[in-house]
Amino acid sequence: KNCRIERCVVEDVSGNGVNIGEDRTRRVDGK
């Protein structure tokens, strides 16, 4: 919540530069 990446250089990275959030695979109470 309310986390920030500011005034940074993100470069020469093999995968994604920055990820935010997640997919839906995590489960809560089996759902």
PDB file of all heavy atoms in Angstrom:
ATOM      1  N   LYS A   1       0.850  -1.192   0.000  1.00  0.00           N
ATOM      2  CA  LYS A   1       0.000   0.000   0.000  1.00  0.00           C
ATOM      3  C   LYS A   1       0.888   1.245   0.000  1.00  0.00           C
ATOM      4  O   LYS A   1       1.812   1.368   0.813  1.00  0.00           O
ATOM      5  CB  LYS A   1      -0.892   0.056   1.255  1.00  0.00           C
ATOM      6  CG  LYS A   1      -1.655  -1.221   1.575  1.00  0.00           C
ATOM      7  CD  LYS A   1      -2.799  -1.484   0.629  1.00  0.00           C
ATOM      8  CE  LYS A   1      -3.589  -2.724   1.066  1.00  0.00           C
ATOM      9  NZ  LYS A   1      -4.632  -3.103   0.103  1.00  0.00           N
ATOM     10  N   ASN A   2       0.618   2.141  -0.922  1.00  0.00           N
ATOM     11  CA  ASN A   2       1.267   3.451  -0.940  1.00  0.00           C
ATOM     12  C   ASN A   2       2.796   3.364  -0.942  1.00  0.00           C
ATOM     13  O   ASN A   2       3.476   4.158  -0.281  1.00  0.00           O
ATOM     14  CB  ASN A   2       0.790   4.296   0.245  1.00  0.00           C
ATOM     15  CG  ASN A   2      -0.718   4.462   0.269  1.00  0.00           C
ATOM     16  OD1 ASN A   2      -1.340   4.707  -0.767  1.00  0.00           O
ATOM     17  ND2 ASN A   2      -1.322   4.291   1.432  1.00  0.00           N
ATOM     18  N   CYS A   3       3.327   2.410  -1.658  1.00  0.00           N
ATOM     19  CA  CYS A   3       4.772   2.308  -1.835  1.00  0.00           C
ATOM     20  C   CYS A   3       5.163   2.952  -3.158  1.00  0.00           C
ATOM     21  O   CYS A   3       4.367   2.995  -4.101  1.00  0.00           O
ATOM     22  CB  CYS A   3       5.221   0.846  -1.780  1.00  0.00           C
ATOM     23  SG  CYS A   3       4.963   0.066  -0.168  1.00  0.00           S
ATOM     24  N   ARG A   4       6.412   3.450  -3.230  1.00  0.00           N
ATOM     25  CA  ARG A   4       6.786   4.265  -4.380  1.00  0.00           C
ATOM     26  C   ARG A   4       8.199   3.929  -4.862  1.00  0.00           C
ATOM     27  O   ARG A   4       9.089   3.612  -4.058  1.00  0.00           O
ATOM     28  CB  ARG A   4       6.728   5.757  -4.021  1.00  0.00           C
ATOM     29  CG  ARG A   4       5.423   6.209  -3.434  1.00  0.00           C
ATOM     30  CD  ARG A   4       5.436   7.676  -3.060  1.00  0.00           C
ATOM     31  NE  ARG A   4       5.516   8.543  -4.225  1.00  0.00           N
ATOM     32  CZ  ARG A   4       4.472   8.890  -4.970  1.00  0.00           C
ATOM     33  NH1 ARG A   4       3.268   8.441  -4.671  1.00  0.00           N
ATOM     34  NH2 ARG A   4       4.626   9.689  -5.998  1.00  0.00           N
ATOM     35  N   ILE A   5       8.373   4.047  -6.165  1.00  0.00           N
ATOM     36  CA  ILE A   5       9.699   4.063  -6.780  1.00  0.00           C
ATOM     37  C   ILE A   5       9.802   5.398  -7.500  1.00  0.00           C
ATOM     38  O   ILE A   5       9.030   5.671  -8.426  1.00  0.00           O
ATOM     39  CB  ILE A   5       9.896   2.883  -7.747  1.00  0.00           C
ATOM     40  CG1 ILE A   5       9.743   1.554  -6.996  1.00  0.00           C
ATOM     41  CG2 ILE A   5      11.256   2.953  -8.421  1.00  0.00           C
ATOM     42  CD1 ILE A   5       9.818   0.330  -7.884  1.00  0.00           C
ATOM     43  N   GLU A   6      10.724   6.255  -7.069  1.00  0.00           N
ATOM     44  CA  GLU A   6      10.791   7.625  -7.566  1.00  0.00           C
ATOM     45  C   GLU A   6      12.208   7.976  -8.017  1.00  0.00           C
ATOM     46  O   GLU A   6      13.186   7.634  -7.346  1.00  0.00           O
ATOM     47  CB  GLU A   6      10.399   8.621  -6.461  1.00  0.00           C
ATOM     48  CG  GLU A   6       8.996   8.477  -5.934  1.00  0.00           C
ATOM     49  CD  GLU A   6       8.702   9.490  -4.838  1.00  0.00           C
ATOM     50  OE1 GLU A   6       9.629  10.225  -4.438  1.00  0.00           O
ATOM     51  OE2 GLU A   6       7.551   9.559  -4.378  1.00  0.00           O
ATOM     52  N   ARG A   7      12.292   8.660  -9.141  1.00  0.00           N
ATOM     53  CA  ARG A   7      13.553   9.202  -9.666  1.00  0.00           C
ATOM     54  C   ARG A   7      14.656   8.131  -9.711  1.00  0.00           C
ATOM     55  O   ARG A   7      15.798   8.384  -9.350  1.00  0.00           O
ATOM     56  CB  ARG A   7      14.010  10.411  -8.844  1.00  0.00           C
ATOM     57  CG  ARG A   7      13.063  11.599  -8.918  1.00  0.00           C
ATOM     58  CD  ARG A   7      13.646  12.830  -8.234  1.00  0.00           C
ATOM     59  NE  ARG A   7      13.950  12.596  -6.829  1.00  0.00           N
ATOM     60  CZ  ARG A   7      13.052  12.661  -5.838  1.00  0.00           C
ATOM     61  NH1 ARG A   7      11.795  12.966  -6.109  1.00  0.00           N
ATOM     62  NH2 ARG A   7      13.415  12.442  -4.591  1.00  0.00           N
ATOM     63  N   CYS A   8      14.284   6.956 -10.147  1.00  0.00           N
ATOM     64  CA  CYS A   8      15.250   5.865 -10.277  1.00  0.00           C
ATOM     65  C   CYS A   8      15.522   5.568 -11.750  1.00  0.00           C
ATOM     66  O   CYS A   8      14.681   5.827 -12.620  1.00  0.00           O
ATOM     67  CB  CYS A   8      14.728   4.605  -9.593  1.00  0.00           C
ATOM     68  SG  CYS A   8      14.725   4.695  -7.790  1.00  0.00           S
ATOM     69  N   VAL A   9      16.681   5.004 -12.013  1.00  0.00           N
ATOM     70  CA  VAL A   9      17.013   4.469 -13.328  1.00  0.00           C
ATOM     71  C   VAL A   9      16.929   2.950 -13.226  1.00  0.00           C
ATOM     72  O   VAL A   9      17.596   2.338 -12.392  1.00  0.00           O
ATOM     73  CB  VAL A   9      18.419   4.900 -13.777  1.00  0.00           C
ATOM     74  CG1 VAL A   9      18.773   4.249 -15.113  1.00  0.00           C
ATOM     75  CG2 VAL A   9      18.503   6.418 -13.891  1.00  0.00           C
ATOM     76  N   VAL A  10      16.091   2.360 -14.061  1.00  0.00           N
ATOM     77  CA  VAL A  10      15.937   0.910 -14.126  1.00  0.00           C
ATOM     78  C   VAL A  10      16.396   0.496 -15.519  1.00  0.00           C
ATOM     79  O   VAL A  10      15.747   0.833 -16.513  1.00  0.00           O
ATOM     80  CB  VAL A  10      14.477   0.485 -13.871  1.00  0.00           C
ATOM     81  CG1 VAL A  10      14.346  -1.028 -13.897  1.00  0.00           C
ATOM     82  CG2 VAL A  10      13.974   1.054 -12.552  1.00  0.00           C
ATOM     83  N   GLU A  11      17.514  -0.219 -15.609  1.00  0.00           N
ATOM     84  CA  GLU A  11      18.091  -0.480 -16.932  1.00  0.00           C
ATOM     85  C   GLU A  11      18.882  -1.781 -16.951  1.00  0.00           C
ATOM     86  O   GLU A  11      19.336  -2.275 -15.931  1.00  0.00           O
ATOM     87  CB  GLU A  11      18.994   0.685 -17.354  1.00  0.00           C
ATOM     88  CG  GLU A  11      20.171   0.937 -16.433  1.00  0.00           C
ATOM     89  CD  GLU A  11      20.977   2.166 -16.811  1.00  0.00           C
ATOM     90  OE1 GLU A  11      20.745   2.746 -17.882  1.00  0.00           O
ATOM     91  OE2 GLU A  11      21.860   2.555 -16.017  1.00  0.00           O
ATOM     92  N   ASP A  12      19.035  -2.313 -18.166  1.00  0.00           N
ATOM     93  CA  ASP A  12      19.806  -3.543 -18.389  1.00  0.00           C
ATOM     94  C   ASP A  12      19.322  -4.657 -17.469  1.00  0.00           C
ATOM     95  O   ASP A  12      20.068  -5.250 -16.686  1.00  0.00           O
ATOM     96  CB  ASP A  12      21.302  -3.269 -18.208  1.00  0.00           C
ATOM     97  CG  ASP A  12      21.832  -2.303 -19.262  1.00  0.00           C
ATOM     98  OD1 ASP A  12      21.379  -2.393 -20.418  1.00  0.00           O
ATOM     99  OD2 ASP A  12      22.669  -1.455 -18.927  1.00  0.00           O
ATOM    100  N   VAL A  13      18.035  -4.938 -17.606  1.00  0.00           N
ATOM    101  CA  VAL A  13      17.343  -5.936 -16.798  1.00  0.00           C
ATOM    102  C   VAL A  13      16.871  -7.054 -17.722  1.00  0.00           C
ATOM    103  O   VAL A  13      16.339  -6.787 -18.804  1.00  0.00           O
ATOM    104  CB  VAL A  13      16.146  -5.292 -16.064  1.00  0.00           C
ATOM    105  CG1 VAL A  13      15.303  -6.329 -15.351  1.00  0.00           C
ATOM    106  CG2 VAL A  13      16.634  -4.226 -15.082  1.00  0.00           C
ATOM    107  N   SER A  14      17.020  -8.309 -17.315  1.00  0.00           N
ATOM    108  CA  SER A  14      16.644  -9.424 -18.188  1.00  0.00           C
ATOM    109  C   SER A  14      15.145  -9.622 -18.298  1.00  0.00           C
ATOM    110  O   SER A  14      14.647 -10.099 -19.318  1.00  0.00           O
ATOM    111  CB  SER A  14      17.294 -10.719 -17.690  1.00  0.00           C
ATOM    112  OG  SER A  14      18.670 -10.721 -17.948  1.00  0.00           O
ATOM    113  N   GLY A  15      14.382  -9.290 -17.248  1.00  0.00           N
ATOM    114  CA  GLY A  15      12.939  -9.465 -17.249  1.00  0.00           C
ATOM    115  C   GLY A  15      12.205  -8.141 -17.227  1.00  0.00           C
ATOM    116  O   GLY A  15      12.637  -7.156 -17.844  1.00  0.00           O
ATOM    117  N   ASN A  16      11.069  -8.097 -16.526  1.00  0.00           N
ATOM    118  CA  ASN A  16      10.310  -6.850 -16.391  1.00  0.00           C
ATOM    119  C   ASN A  16      11.127  -5.815 -15.612  1.00  0.00           C
ATOM    120  O   ASN A  16      11.892  -6.162 -14.712  1.00  0.00           O
ATOM    121  CB  ASN A  16       9.003  -7.101 -15.633  1.00  0.00           C
ATOM    122  CG  ASN A  16       8.067  -8.052 -16.359  1.00  0.00           C
ATOM    123  OD1 ASN A  16       8.100  -8.170 -17.570  1.00  0.00           O
ATOM    124  ND2 ASN A  16       7.223  -8.725 -15.602  1.00  0.00           N
ATOM    125  N   GLY A  17      10.901  -4.547 -15.927  1.00  0.00           N
ATOM    126  CA  GLY A  17      11.583  -3.496 -15.183  1.00  0.00           C
ATOM    127  C   GLY A  17      11.019  -3.346 -13.784  1.00  0.00           C
ATOM    128  O   GLY A  17      11.728  -3.474 -12.783  1.00  0.00           O
ATOM    129  N   VAL A  18       9.707  -3.091 -13.690  1.00  0.00           N
ATOM    130  CA  VAL A  18       9.015  -2.921 -12.406  1.00  0.00           C
ATOM    131  C   VAL A  18       7.703  -3.695 -12.465  1.00  0.00           C
ATOM    132  O   VAL A  18       6.963  -3.600 -13.451  1.00  0.00           O
ATOM    133  CB  VAL A  18       8.730  -1.439 -12.108  1.00  0.00           C
ATOM    134  CG1 VAL A  18       7.951  -1.300 -10.800  1.00  0.00           C
ATOM    135  CG2 VAL A  18      10.027  -0.633 -12.046  1.00  0.00           C
ATOM    136  N   ASN A  19       7.404  -4.451 -11.416  1.00  0.00           N
ATOM    137  CA  ASN A  19       6.111  -5.114 -11.255  1.00  0.00           C
ATOM    138  C   ASN A  19       5.334  -4.442 -10.136  1.00  0.00           C
ATOM    139  O   ASN A  19       5.918  -4.079  -9.109  1.00  0.00           O
ATOM    140  CB  ASN A  19       6.284  -6.591 -10.873  1.00  0.00           C
ATOM    141  CG  ASN A  19       7.006  -7.401 -11.929  1.00  0.00           C
ATOM    142  OD1 ASN A  19       6.997  -7.069 -13.102  1.00  0.00           O
ATOM    143  ND2 ASN A  19       7.629  -8.488 -11.504  1.00  0.00           N
ATOM    144  N   ILE A  20       4.019  -4.344 -10.320  1.00  0.00           N
ATOM    145  CA  ILE A  20       3.149  -3.820  -9.266  1.00  0.00           C
ATOM    146  C   ILE A  20       1.942  -4.740  -9.145  1.00  0.00           C
ATOM    147  O   ILE A  20       1.293  -5.066 -10.140  1.00  0.00           O
ATOM    148  CB  ILE A  20       2.698  -2.378  -9.563  1.00  0.00           C
ATOM    149  CG1 ILE A  20       3.913  -1.446  -9.646  1.00  0.00           C
ATOM    150  CG2 ILE A  20       1.725  -1.881  -8.498  1.00  0.00           C
ATOM    151  CD1 ILE A  20       3.574  -0.018  -9.978  1.00  0.00           C
ATOM    152  N   GLY A  21       1.634  -5.151  -7.905  1.00  0.00           N
ATOM    153  CA  GLY A  21       0.501  -6.043  -7.677  1.00  0.00           C
ATOM    154  C   GLY A  21       0.893  -7.498  -7.843  1.00  0.00           C
ATOM    155  O   GLY A  21       2.046  -7.880  -7.695  1.00  0.00           O
ATOM    156  N   GLU A  22      -0.081  -8.326  -8.181  1.00  0.00           N
ATOM    157  CA  GLU A  22       0.135  -9.772  -8.307  1.00  0.00           C
ATOM    158  C   GLU A  22      -0.938 -10.361  -9.205  1.00  0.00           C
ATOM    159  O   GLU A  22      -1.896  -9.691  -9.584  1.00  0.00           O
ATOM    160  CB  GLU A  22       0.083 -10.426  -6.922  1.00  0.00           C
ATOM    161  CG  GLU A  22      -1.243 -10.229  -6.202  1.00  0.00           C
ATOM    162  CD  GLU A  22      -1.260 -10.810  -4.796  1.00  0.00           C
ATOM    163  OE1 GLU A  22      -0.836 -11.973  -4.628  1.00  0.00           O
ATOM    164  OE2 GLU A  22      -1.717 -10.104  -3.871  1.00  0.00           O
ATOM    165  N   ASP A  23      -0.765 -11.657  -9.561  1.00  0.00           N
ATOM    166  CA  ASP A  23      -1.823 -12.334 -10.302  1.00  0.00           C
ATOM    167  C   ASP A  23      -2.849 -12.893  -9.312  1.00  0.00           C
ATOM    168  O   ASP A  23      -2.856 -12.533  -8.140  1.00  0.00           O
ATOM    169  CB  ASP A  23      -1.241 -13.413 -11.222  1.00  0.00           C
ATOM    170  CG  ASP A  23      -0.549 -14.528 -10.449  1.00  0.00           C
ATOM    171  OD1 ASP A  23      -0.706 -14.606  -9.214  1.00  0.00           O
ATOM    172  OD2 ASP A  23       0.161 -15.331 -11.085  1.00  0.00           O
ATOM    173  N   ARG A  24      -3.691 -13.835  -9.774  1.00  0.00           N
ATOM    174  CA  ARG A  24      -4.772 -14.304  -8.909  1.00  0.00           C
ATOM    175  C   ARG A  24      -4.483 -15.659  -8.264  1.00  0.00           C
ATOM    176  O   ARG A  24      -5.375 -16.244  -7.648  1.00  0.00           O
ATOM    177  CB  ARG A  24      -6.077 -14.411  -9.708  1.00  0.00           C
ATOM    178  CG  ARG A  24      -6.591 -13.102 -10.244  1.00  0.00           C
ATOM    179  CD  ARG A  24      -8.071 -13.207 -10.537  1.00  0.00           C
ATOM    180  NE  ARG A  24      -8.364 -14.252 -11.526  1.00  0.00           N
ATOM    181  CZ  ARG A  24      -9.592 -14.714 -11.783  1.00  0.00           C
ATOM    182  NH1 ARG A  24     -10.628 -14.231 -11.102  1.00  0.00           N
ATOM    183  NH2 ARG A  24      -9.791 -15.636 -12.701  1.00  0.00           N
ATOM    184  N   THR A  25      -3.292 -16.190  -8.401  1.00  0.00           N
ATOM    185  CA  THR A  25      -3.059 -17.563  -7.970  1.00  0.00           C
ATOM    186  C   THR A  25      -3.050 -17.739  -6.455  1.00  0.00           C
ATOM    187  O   THR A  25      -3.315 -18.832  -5.961  1.00  0.00           O
ATOM    188  CB  THR A  25      -1.728 -18.081  -8.543  1.00  0.00           C
ATOM    189  OG1 THR A  25      -0.666 -17.190  -8.172  1.00  0.00           O
ATOM    190  CG2 THR A  25      -1.791 -18.156 -10.060  1.00  0.00           C
ATOM    191  N   ARG A  26      -2.734 -16.710  -5.693  1.00  0.00           N
ATOM    192  CA  ARG A  26      -2.718 -16.837  -4.239  1.00  0.00           C
ATOM    193  C   ARG A  26      -4.129 -17.168  -3.732  1.00  0.00           C
ATOM    194  O   ARG A  26      -5.116 -16.662  -4.247  1.00  0.00           O
ATOM    195  CB  ARG A  26      -2.196 -15.531  -3.611  1.00  0.00           C
ATOM    196  CG  ARG A  26      -2.065 -15.564  -2.105  1.00  0.00           C
ATOM    197  CD  ARG A  26      -1.298 -14.332  -1.601  1.00  0.00           C
ATOM    198  NE  ARG A  26      -1.909 -13.089  -1.995  1.00  0.00           N
ATOM    199  CZ  ARG A  26      -2.912 -12.491  -1.340  1.00  0.00           C
ATOM    200  NH1 ARG A  26      -3.412 -13.054  -0.244  1.00  0.00           N
ATOM    201  NH2 ARG A  26      -3.399 -11.331  -1.749  1.00  0.00           N
ATOM    202  N   ARG A  27      -4.198 -18.007  -2.708  1.00  0.00           N
ATOM    203  CA  ARG A  27      -5.491 -18.433  -2.178  1.00  0.00           C
ATOM    204  C   ARG A  27      -5.710 -17.907  -0.765  1.00  0.00           C
ATOM    205  O   ARG A  27      -4.778 -17.795   0.028  1.00  0.00           O
ATOM    206  CB  ARG A  27      -5.584 -19.964  -2.150  1.00  0.00           C
ATOM    207  CG  ARG A  27      -5.584 -20.629  -3.526  1.00  0.00           C
ATOM    208  CD  ARG A  27      -6.842 -20.263  -4.300  1.00  0.00           C
ATOM    209  NE  ARG A  27      -7.078 -21.120  -5.448  1.00  0.00           N
ATOM    210  CZ  ARG A  27      -6.657 -20.864  -6.678  1.00  0.00           C
ATOM    211  NH1 ARG A  27      -5.933 -19.784  -6.902  1.00  0.00           N
ATOM    212  NH2 ARG A  27      -6.952 -21.672  -7.670  1.00  0.00           N
ATOM    213  N   VAL A  28      -6.966 -17.583  -0.472  1.00  0.00           N
ATOM    214  CA  VAL A  28      -7.421 -17.232   0.876  1.00  0.00           C
ATOM    215  C   VAL A  28      -8.618 -18.123   1.174  1.00  0.00           C
ATOM    216  O   VAL A  28      -9.614 -18.095   0.435  1.00  0.00           O
ATOM    217  CB  VAL A  28      -7.807 -15.738   0.984  1.00  0.00           C
ATOM    218  CG1 VAL A  28      -8.444 -15.449   2.331  1.00  0.00           C
ATOM    219  CG2 VAL A  28      -6.586 -14.852   0.761  1.00  0.00           C
ATOM    220  N   ASP A  29      -8.513 -18.937   2.196  1.00  0.00           N
ATOM    221  CA  ASP A  29      -9.580 -19.890   2.557  1.00  0.00           C
ATOM    222  C   ASP A  29      -9.967 -20.771   1.373  1.00  0.00           C
ATOM    223  O   ASP A  29     -11.149 -21.070   1.139  1.00  0.00           O
ATOM    224  CB  ASP A  29     -10.817 -19.142   3.071  1.00  0.00           C
ATOM    225  CG  ASP A  29     -10.534 -18.379   4.363  1.00  0.00           C
ATOM    226  OD1 ASP A  29      -9.663 -18.838   5.131  1.00  0.00           O
ATOM    227  OD2 ASP A  29     -11.165 -17.329   4.577  1.00  0.00           O
ATOM    228  N   GLY A  30      -8.948 -21.147   0.600  1.00  0.00           N
ATOM    229  CA  GLY A  30      -9.185 -22.052  -0.519  1.00  0.00           C
ATOM    230  C   GLY A  30      -9.733 -21.403  -1.770  1.00  0.00           C
ATOM    231  O   GLY A  30      -9.971 -22.084  -2.775  1.00  0.00           O
ATOM    232  N   LYS A  31      -9.943 -20.095  -1.758  1.00  0.00           N
ATOM    233  CA  LYS A  31     -10.493 -19.388  -2.911  1.00  0.00           C
ATOM    234  C   LYS A  31      -9.474 -18.402  -3.463  1.00  0.00           C
ATOM    235  O   LYS A  31      -8.517 -18.033  -2.784  1.00  0.00           O
ATOM    236  CB  LYS A  31     -11.766 -18.636  -2.506  1.00  0.00           C
ATOM    237  CG  LYS A  31     -12.881 -19.519  -1.976  1.00  0.00           C
ATOM    238  CD  LYS A  31     -14.084 -18.676  -1.565  1.00  0.00           C
ATOM    239  CE  LYS A  31     -15.198 -19.534  -1.001  1.00  0.00           C
ATOM    240  NZ  LYS A  31     -16.366 -18.695  -0.567  1.00  0.00           N
TER     241      LYS A  31
END
